[in-house]
Amino acid sequence: MKKIIALTLALGMTVGIASACGKKAEPVEEETEAKIEEETEEEVEDETEPVVTESETEDPKANEVVVNNVPSTTAEYGVLYTIIDDKNDDQHYIKGVSLGGNQTGSSEFNSKEPSTDSIRCVFLLNEWISVTLDDEAPDEVQVYVFKFVDDLSLYKDVDFNGDIEGYVAMATLTRPEEEGAEWGEFYVNPEDADPGDFSLVFVYQGKAVSQIRIALFAEGSLQDLSDSELEALTK
């Protein structure tokens, strides 16, 4: 009888332990399935979403290569370049120049308004070149003609009150009574210079304030050219 009772108790304990083990296994199985499902979703997201690197999250302009455009030291033809440091000093600042010839070009071509670019820059040696400055330019400006040198700062520290050498022509420009009229004129003698490029250097109170690059051609070589053909010579 005791053996039967012991056997019954043993069977009961075995069933109880098995039941208990079965109940504890269920949440582990659910947790495992949930974890696998979560990991699967992460893998899908990783495959569908683009990979963003740290550099891509920054401002796009932060990695942009900026090139500093340093102006060329070569002066362009027919452009008024300022030499003085203080461009706001109206007393020393020439804001526009017009150049005209007496042997080539139409009357319209030789009577343009003072400007800082597209200034007529093609002439003949021995051709009288008229100069008109803007109405606010200072009186008694001098213009010196030098053989062109590829250096825009060459005349910056020159004292024009002293002895100046190397120029092939010079004139003093006087404010006219009539607005828009010529301030003065000059020519380059073929005996003093060969055809080529020259700098017109404008001087006020002994200091260079502006300059223009022009081209002078041999006498008698441009008379038959039209205005557009004259302009094309320095393009």
C-alpha atoms as a PDB file:
ATOM      1  CA  MET A   1       0.000   0.000   0.000  1.00  0.00           C
ATOM      2  CA  LYS A   2       2.842   2.354   0.951  1.00  0.00           C
ATOM      3  CA  LYS A   3       4.558   1.543  -2.348  1.00  0.00           C
ATOM      4  CA  ILE A   4       1.410   2.444  -4.246  1.00  0.00           C
ATOM      5  CA  ILE A   5       1.109   5.765  -2.390  1.00  0.00           C
ATOM      6  CA  ALA A   6       4.799   6.578  -2.986  1.00  0.00           C
ATOM      7  CA  LEU A   7       4.459   5.752  -6.660  1.00  0.00           C
ATOM      8  CA  THR A   8       1.369   7.942  -6.916  1.00  0.00           C
ATOM      9  CA  LEU A   9       3.166  10.854  -5.246  1.00  0.00           C
ATOM     10  CA  ALA A  10       6.156  10.415  -7.557  1.00  0.00           C
ATOM     11  CA  LEU A  11       3.948  10.478 -10.634  1.00  0.00           C
ATOM     12  CA  GLY A  12       2.163  13.567  -9.336  1.00  0.00           C
ATOM     13  CA  MET A  13       5.422  15.427  -8.740  1.00  0.00           C
ATOM     14  CA  THR A  14       6.708  14.494 -12.194  1.00  0.00           C
ATOM     15  CA  VAL A  15       3.544  15.835 -13.847  1.00  0.00           C
ATOM     16  CA  GLY A  16       3.712  18.985 -11.718  1.00  0.00           C
ATOM     17  CA  ILE A  17       7.325  19.622 -12.639  1.00  0.00           C
ATOM     18  CA  ALA A  18       6.601  19.007 -16.297  1.00  0.00           C
ATOM     19  CA  SER A  19       3.622  21.371 -16.126  1.00  0.00           C
ATOM     20  CA  ALA A  20       5.714  24.005 -14.413  1.00  0.00           C
ATOM     21  CA  CYS A  21       8.444  23.700 -17.001  1.00  0.00           C
ATOM     22  CA  GLY A  22       5.894  23.989 -19.783  1.00  0.00           C
ATOM     23  CA  LYS A  23       4.447  27.197 -18.345  1.00  0.00           C
ATOM     24  CA  LYS A  24       7.862  28.843 -18.014  1.00  0.00           C
ATOM     25  CA  ALA A  25       8.918  27.950 -21.601  1.00  0.00           C
ATOM     26  CA  GLU A  26       6.039  29.839 -23.240  1.00  0.00           C
ATOM     27  CA  PRO A  27       7.200  33.451 -22.454  1.00  0.00           C
ATOM     28  CA  VAL A  28      10.775  32.558 -23.433  1.00  0.00           C
ATOM     29  CA  GLU A  29       9.491  31.400 -26.819  1.00  0.00           C
ATOM     30  CA  GLU A  30       7.382  34.574 -27.225  1.00  0.00           C
ATOM     31  CA  GLU A  31      10.350  36.782 -26.264  1.00  0.00           C
ATOM     32  CA  THR A  32      12.593  34.989 -28.746  1.00  0.00           C
ATOM     33  CA  GLU A  33      10.081  35.411 -31.555  1.00  0.00           C
ATOM     34  CA  ALA A  34       9.632  39.102 -30.727  1.00  0.00           C
ATOM     35  CA  LYS A  35      13.405  39.641 -30.686  1.00  0.00           C
ATOM     36  CA  ILE A  36      13.825  37.898 -34.026  1.00  0.00           C
ATOM     37  CA  GLU A  37      10.987  39.953 -35.512  1.00  0.00           C
ATOM     38  CA  GLU A  38      12.537  43.192 -34.185  1.00  0.00           C
ATOM     39  CA  GLU A  39      15.964  42.337 -35.573  1.00  0.00           C
ATOM     40  CA  THR A  40      14.370  41.478 -38.923  1.00  0.00           C
ATOM     41  CA  GLU A  41      12.640  44.892 -39.036  1.00  0.00           C
ATOM     42  CA  GLU A  42      15.970  46.631 -38.272  1.00  0.00           C
ATOM     43  CA  GLU A  43      17.666  44.764 -41.091  1.00  0.00           C
ATOM     44  CA  VAL A  44      14.873  45.772 -43.502  1.00  0.00           C
ATOM     45  CA  GLU A  45      15.203  49.426 -42.415  1.00  0.00           C
ATOM     46  CA  ASP A  46      18.968  49.264 -42.881  1.00  0.00           C
ATOM     47  CA  GLU A  47      18.464  47.942 -46.399  1.00  0.00           C
ATOM     48  CA  THR A  48      15.818  50.499 -47.381  1.00  0.00           C
ATOM     49  CA  GLU A  49      17.209  53.639 -45.708  1.00  0.00           C
ATOM     50  CA  PRO A  50      20.347  55.272 -47.191  1.00  0.00           C
ATOM     51  CA  VAL A  51      23.465  55.250 -45.076  1.00  0.00           C
ATOM     52  CA  VAL A  52      24.215  58.829 -43.974  1.00  0.00           C
ATOM     53  CA  THR A  53      27.785  59.574 -43.086  1.00  0.00           C
ATOM     54  CA  GLU A  54      28.829  62.269 -40.663  1.00  0.00           C
ATOM     55  CA  SER A  55      30.189  64.531 -43.405  1.00  0.00           C
ATOM     56  CA  GLU A  56      26.855  64.350 -45.257  1.00  0.00           C
ATOM     57  CA  THR A  57      24.959  65.586 -42.247  1.00  0.00           C
ATOM     58  CA  GLU A  58      26.963  68.809 -42.211  1.00  0.00           C
ATOM     59  CA  ASP A  59      26.172  71.932 -44.185  1.00  0.00           C
ATOM     60  CA  PRO A  60      26.909  71.095 -47.868  1.00  0.00           C
ATOM     61  CA  LYS A  61      28.720  74.427 -48.234  1.00  0.00           C
ATOM     62  CA  ALA A  62      31.064  73.495 -45.403  1.00  0.00           C
ATOM     63  CA  ASN A  63      32.961  71.145 -47.704  1.00  0.00           C
ATOM     64  CA  GLU A  64      32.691  73.393 -50.752  1.00  0.00           C
ATOM     65  CA  VAL A  65      35.985  74.391 -52.316  1.00  0.00           C
ATOM     66  CA  VAL A  66      36.198  78.172 -52.577  1.00  0.00           C
ATOM     67  CA  VAL A  67      38.531  79.599 -55.186  1.00  0.00           C
ATOM     68  CA  ASN A  68      39.827  83.083 -54.532  1.00  0.00           C
ATOM     69  CA  ASN A  69      39.716  84.948 -57.810  1.00  0.00           C
ATOM     70  CA  VAL A  70      42.847  87.043 -57.751  1.00  0.00           C
ATOM     71  CA  PRO A  71      42.669  89.795 -60.367  1.00  0.00           C
ATOM     72  CA  SER A  72      45.228  89.447 -63.125  1.00  0.00           C
ATOM     73  CA  THR A  73      48.176  91.810 -62.994  1.00  0.00           C
ATOM     74  CA  THR A  74      47.712  92.377 -66.721  1.00  0.00           C
ATOM     75  CA  ALA A  75      45.609  95.464 -67.371  1.00  0.00           C
ATOM     76  CA  GLU A  76      42.907  95.072 -69.991  1.00  0.00           C
ATOM     77  CA  TYR A  77      42.705  97.499 -72.853  1.00  0.00           C
ATOM     78  CA  GLY A  78      40.473 100.523 -72.399  1.00  0.00           C
ATOM     79  CA  VAL A  79      39.782  99.993 -68.672  1.00  0.00           C
ATOM     80  CA  LEU A  80      40.328 102.723 -66.076  1.00  0.00           C
ATOM     81  CA  TYR A  81      42.285 101.257 -63.165  1.00  0.00           C
ATOM     82  CA  THR A  82      42.467 103.134 -59.879  1.00  0.00           C
ATOM     83  CA  ILE A  83      45.915 103.357 -58.299  1.00  0.00           C
ATOM     84  CA  ILE A  84      45.167 105.283 -55.093  1.00  0.00           C
ATOM     85  CA  ASP A  85      44.121 103.318 -51.998  1.00  0.00           C
ATOM     86  CA  ASP A  86      41.144 105.440 -50.966  1.00  0.00           C
ATOM     87  CA  LYS A  87      38.530 105.188 -53.716  1.00  0.00           C
ATOM     88  CA  ASN A  88      36.097 107.295 -51.660  1.00  0.00           C
ATOM     89  CA  ASP A  89      38.325 110.361 -51.830  1.00  0.00           C
ATOM     90  CA  ASP A  90      36.434 112.333 -54.488  1.00  0.00           C
ATOM     91  CA  GLN A  91      39.180 114.924 -54.697  1.00  0.00           C
ATOM     92  CA  HIS A  92      41.649 112.366 -56.013  1.00  0.00           C
ATOM     93  CA  TYR A  93      39.370 109.848 -57.677  1.00  0.00           C
ATOM     94  CA  ILE A  94      38.736 109.965 -61.441  1.00  0.00           C
ATOM     95  CA  LYS A  95      35.402 108.257 -62.078  1.00  0.00           C
ATOM     96  CA  GLY A  96      35.431 108.203 -65.850  1.00  0.00           C
ATOM     97  CA  VAL A  97      37.541 108.957 -68.921  1.00  0.00           C
ATOM     98  CA  SER A  98      36.775 109.351 -72.612  1.00  0.00           C
ATOM     99  CA  LEU A  99      39.479 109.263 -75.307  1.00  0.00           C
ATOM    100  CA  GLY A 100      39.051 110.407 -78.900  1.00  0.00           C
ATOM    101  CA  GLY A 101      41.255 110.590 -82.012  1.00  0.00           C
ATOM    102  CA  ASN A 102      41.493 112.938 -84.959  1.00  0.00           C
ATOM    103  CA  GLN A 103      42.584 110.531 -87.701  1.00  0.00           C
ATOM    104  CA  THR A 104      40.543 107.348 -87.259  1.00  0.00           C
ATOM    105  CA  GLY A 105      37.032 106.338 -86.208  1.00  0.00           C
ATOM    106  CA  SER A 106      33.663 107.991 -86.670  1.00  0.00           C
ATOM    107  CA  SER A 107      32.561 111.117 -84.809  1.00  0.00           C
ATOM    108  CA  GLU A 108      30.335 108.960 -82.600  1.00  0.00           C
ATOM    109  CA  PHE A 109      33.258 106.646 -81.865  1.00  0.00           C
ATOM    110  CA  ASN A 110      35.338 109.623 -80.747  1.00  0.00           C
ATOM    111  CA  SER A 111      32.729 111.351 -78.595  1.00  0.00           C
ATOM    112  CA  LYS A 112      31.678 108.740 -76.040  1.00  0.00           C
ATOM    113  CA  GLU A 113      30.719 109.679 -72.483  1.00  0.00           C
ATOM    114  CA  PRO A 114      33.428 109.263 -69.813  1.00  0.00           C
ATOM    115  CA  SER A 115      33.443 105.686 -68.532  1.00  0.00           C
ATOM    116  CA  THR A 116      35.548 103.237 -66.526  1.00  0.00           C
ATOM    117  CA  ASP A 117      35.588 100.555 -69.230  1.00  0.00           C
ATOM    118  CA  SER A 118      35.096 100.193 -72.991  1.00  0.00           C
ATOM    119  CA  ILE A 119      37.171 103.359 -73.363  1.00  0.00           C
ATOM    120  CA  ARG A 120      38.580 103.830 -76.840  1.00  0.00           C
ATOM    121  CA  CYS A 121      42.112 102.439 -76.724  1.00  0.00           C
ATOM    122  CA  VAL A 122      43.315 102.140 -80.353  1.00  0.00           C
ATOM    123  CA  PHE A 123      45.146 105.070 -81.975  1.00  0.00           C
ATOM    124  CA  LEU A 124      47.952 105.895 -84.367  1.00  0.00           C
ATOM    125  CA  LEU A 125      51.351 107.231 -83.484  1.00  0.00           C
ATOM    126  CA  ASN A 126      51.360 110.984 -84.089  1.00  0.00           C
ATOM    127  CA  GLU A 127      47.549 111.059 -83.753  1.00  0.00           C
ATOM    128  CA  TRP A 128      46.179 113.739 -81.481  1.00  0.00           C
ATOM    129  CA  ILE A 129      44.338 112.034 -78.640  1.00  0.00           C
ATOM    130  CA  SER A 130      41.744 114.113 -76.804  1.00  0.00           C
ATOM    131  CA  VAL A 131      40.958 113.450 -73.141  1.00  0.00           C
ATOM    132  CA  THR A 132      37.652 114.118 -71.390  1.00  0.00           C
ATOM    133  CA  LEU A 133      37.288 113.438 -67.654  1.00  0.00           C
ATOM    134  CA  ASP A 134      34.117 113.094 -65.611  1.00  0.00           C
ATOM    135  CA  ASP A 135      32.654 116.380 -64.363  1.00  0.00           C
ATOM    136  CA  GLU A 136      33.684 115.699 -60.754  1.00  0.00           C
ATOM    137  CA  ALA A 137      37.361 115.039 -61.531  1.00  0.00           C
ATOM    138  CA  PRO A 138      39.861 117.462 -59.960  1.00  0.00           C
ATOM    139  CA  ASP A 139      41.292 120.276 -62.049  1.00  0.00           C
ATOM    140  CA  GLU A 140      44.893 120.320 -63.267  1.00  0.00           C
ATOM    141  CA  VAL A 141      45.249 116.563 -63.665  1.00  0.00           C
ATOM    142  CA  GLN A 142      48.309 115.537 -65.647  1.00  0.00           C
ATOM    143  CA  VAL A 143      48.498 112.581 -67.998  1.00  0.00           C
ATOM    144  CA  TYR A 144      51.808 110.813 -68.663  1.00  0.00           C
ATOM    145  CA  VAL A 145      52.321 108.278 -71.450  1.00  0.00           C
ATOM    146  CA  PHE A 146      54.667 105.386 -70.634  1.00  0.00           C
ATOM    147  CA  LYS A 147      55.555 102.229 -72.494  1.00  0.00           C
ATOM    148  CA  PHE A 148      53.210  99.610 -71.046  1.00  0.00           C
ATOM    149  CA  VAL A 149      54.617  97.519 -68.202  1.00  0.00           C
ATOM    150  CA  ASP A 150      52.740  94.501 -66.832  1.00  0.00           C
ATOM    151  CA  ASP A 151      52.475  95.838 -63.268  1.00  0.00           C
ATOM    152  CA  LEU A 152      49.420  97.781 -62.087  1.00  0.00           C
ATOM    153  CA  SER A 153      51.196  98.998 -58.941  1.00  0.00           C
ATOM    154  CA  LEU A 154      54.299 100.290 -60.719  1.00  0.00           C
ATOM    155  CA  TYR A 155      53.427 103.997 -60.359  1.00  0.00           C
ATOM    156  CA  LYS A 156      51.786 103.826 -56.948  1.00  0.00           C
ATOM    157  CA  ASP A 157      54.747 105.159 -54.948  1.00  0.00           C
ATOM    158  CA  VAL A 158      56.268 107.393 -57.633  1.00  0.00           C
ATOM    159  CA  ASP A 159      56.671 111.071 -56.716  1.00  0.00           C
ATOM    160  CA  PHE A 160      55.691 112.916 -59.877  1.00  0.00           C
ATOM    161  CA  ASN A 161      56.714 116.235 -58.318  1.00  0.00           C
ATOM    162  CA  GLY A 162      60.342 115.222 -58.883  1.00  0.00           C
ATOM    163  CA  ASP A 163      62.240 114.397 -62.032  1.00  0.00           C
ATOM    164  CA  ILE A 164      60.375 111.775 -64.059  1.00  0.00           C
ATOM    165  CA  GLU A 165      62.037 109.802 -66.818  1.00  0.00           C
ATOM    166  CA  GLY A 166      60.835 107.298 -69.367  1.00  0.00           C
ATOM    167  CA  TYR A 167      57.584 108.910 -70.520  1.00  0.00           C
ATOM    168  CA  VAL A 168      57.048 109.652 -74.215  1.00  0.00           C
ATOM    169  CA  ALA A 169      54.362 112.330 -73.870  1.00  0.00           C
ATOM    170  CA  MET A 170      52.696 114.434 -71.190  1.00  0.00           C
ATOM    171  CA  ALA A 171      49.851 116.953 -70.966  1.00  0.00           C
ATOM    172  CA  THR A 172      48.063 118.940 -68.287  1.00  0.00           C
ATOM    173  CA  LEU A 173      44.291 118.539 -68.327  1.00  0.00           C
ATOM    174  CA  THR A 174      42.270 121.628 -67.419  1.00  0.00           C
ATOM    175  CA  ARG A 175      38.597 121.665 -66.525  1.00  0.00           C
ATOM    176  CA  PRO A 176      36.675 123.210 -69.455  1.00  0.00           C
ATOM    177  CA  GLU A 177      34.007 125.876 -69.009  1.00  0.00           C
ATOM    178  CA  GLU A 178      31.475 123.717 -70.837  1.00  0.00           C
ATOM    179  CA  GLU A 179      30.516 120.417 -69.200  1.00  0.00           C
ATOM    180  CA  GLY A 180      31.378 117.376 -71.275  1.00  0.00           C
ATOM    181  CA  ALA A 181      33.990 119.218 -73.335  1.00  0.00           C
ATOM    182  CA  GLU A 182      37.584 118.081 -73.797  1.00  0.00           C
ATOM    183  CA  TRP A 183      40.048 118.679 -70.965  1.00  0.00           C
ATOM    184  CA  GLY A 184      43.160 118.492 -73.124  1.00  0.00           C
ATOM    185  CA  GLU A 185      45.025 116.480 -75.756  1.00  0.00           C
ATOM    186  CA  PHE A 186      48.408 114.955 -76.545  1.00  0.00           C
ATOM    187  CA  TYR A 187      50.183 112.827 -79.171  1.00  0.00           C
ATOM    188  CA  VAL A 188      53.101 110.414 -79.191  1.00  0.00           C
ATOM    189  CA  ASN A 189      55.816 111.290 -81.690  1.00  0.00           C
ATOM    190  CA  PRO A 190      56.966 108.299 -83.780  1.00  0.00           C
ATOM    191  CA  GLU A 191      60.527 109.502 -83.231  1.00  0.00           C
ATOM    192  CA  ASP A 192      60.118 108.888 -79.495  1.00  0.00           C
ATOM    193  CA  ALA A 193      58.324 105.529 -79.543  1.00  0.00           C
ATOM    194  CA  ASP A 194      57.637 102.468 -81.665  1.00  0.00           C
ATOM    195  CA  PRO A 195      54.160 100.977 -82.176  1.00  0.00           C
ATOM    196  CA  GLY A 196      52.958  98.941 -79.226  1.00  0.00           C
ATOM    197  CA  ASP A 197      51.101  99.120 -75.913  1.00  0.00           C
ATOM    198  CA  PHE A 198      51.280 102.147 -73.634  1.00  0.00           C
ATOM    199  CA  SER A 199      49.944 103.248 -70.239  1.00  0.00           C
ATOM    200  CA  LEU A 200      48.190 106.553 -69.744  1.00  0.00           C
ATOM    201  CA  VAL A 201      48.950 107.464 -66.129  1.00  0.00           C
ATOM    202  CA  PHE A 202      46.772 110.186 -64.596  1.00  0.00           C
ATOM    203  CA  VAL A 203      48.504 112.201 -61.887  1.00  0.00           C
ATOM    204  CA  TYR A 204      47.106 114.658 -59.355  1.00  0.00           C
ATOM    205  CA  GLN A 205      49.222 116.639 -56.901  1.00  0.00           C
ATOM    206  CA  GLY A 206      52.261 114.500 -57.663  1.00  0.00           C
ATOM    207  CA  LYS A 207      50.554 111.132 -57.120  1.00  0.00           C
ATOM    208  CA  ALA A 208      49.370 108.657 -59.739  1.00  0.00           C
ATOM    209  CA  VAL A 209      45.627 108.103 -59.337  1.00  0.00           C
ATOM    210  CA  SER A 210      44.554 106.079 -62.388  1.00  0.00           C
ATOM    211  CA  GLN A 211      45.839 104.453 -65.541  1.00  0.00           C
ATOM    212  CA  ILE A 212      44.569 103.096 -68.870  1.00  0.00           C
ATOM    213  CA  ARG A 213      46.190 100.666 -71.292  1.00  0.00           C
ATOM    214  CA  ILE A 214      46.079 101.737 -74.955  1.00  0.00           C
ATOM    215  CA  ALA A 215      47.597 100.495 -78.220  1.00  0.00           C
ATOM    216  CA  LEU A 216      49.377 102.765 -80.704  1.00  0.00           C
ATOM    217  CA  PHE A 217      49.832 101.619 -84.283  1.00  0.00           C
ATOM    218  CA  ALA A 218      52.088 102.804 -87.071  1.00  0.00           C
ATOM    219  CA  GLU A 219      51.070 105.915 -88.958  1.00  0.00           C
ATOM    220  CA  GLY A 220      48.736 105.362 -91.900  1.00  0.00           C
ATOM    221  CA  SER A 221      47.800 101.791 -90.889  1.00  0.00           C
ATOM    222  CA  LEU A 222      44.250 102.231 -89.544  1.00  0.00           C
ATOM    223  CA  GLN A 223      42.539 104.937 -91.623  1.00  0.00           C
ATOM    224  CA  ASP A 224      40.401 102.529 -93.649  1.00  0.00           C
ATOM    225  CA  LEU A 225      39.091 100.566 -90.674  1.00  0.00           C
ATOM    226  CA  SER A 226      35.513 100.845 -89.381  1.00  0.00           C
ATOM    227  CA  ASP A 227      34.670 101.445 -85.712  1.00  0.00           C
ATOM    228  CA  SER A 228      34.024  97.735 -85.111  1.00  0.00           C
ATOM    229  CA  GLU A 229      37.263  96.802 -86.853  1.00  0.00           C
ATOM    230  CA  LEU A 230      39.164  99.265 -84.667  1.00  0.00           C
ATOM    231  CA  GLU A 231      37.615  97.785 -81.531  1.00  0.00           C
ATOM    232  CA  ALA A 232      38.448  94.248 -82.693  1.00  0.00           C
ATOM    233  CA  LEU A 233      42.183  95.042 -82.730  1.00  0.00           C
ATOM    234  CA  THR A 234      42.391  94.721 -78.939  1.00  0.00           C
ATOM    235  CA  LYS A 235      39.900  91.896 -78.378  1.00  0.00           C
END
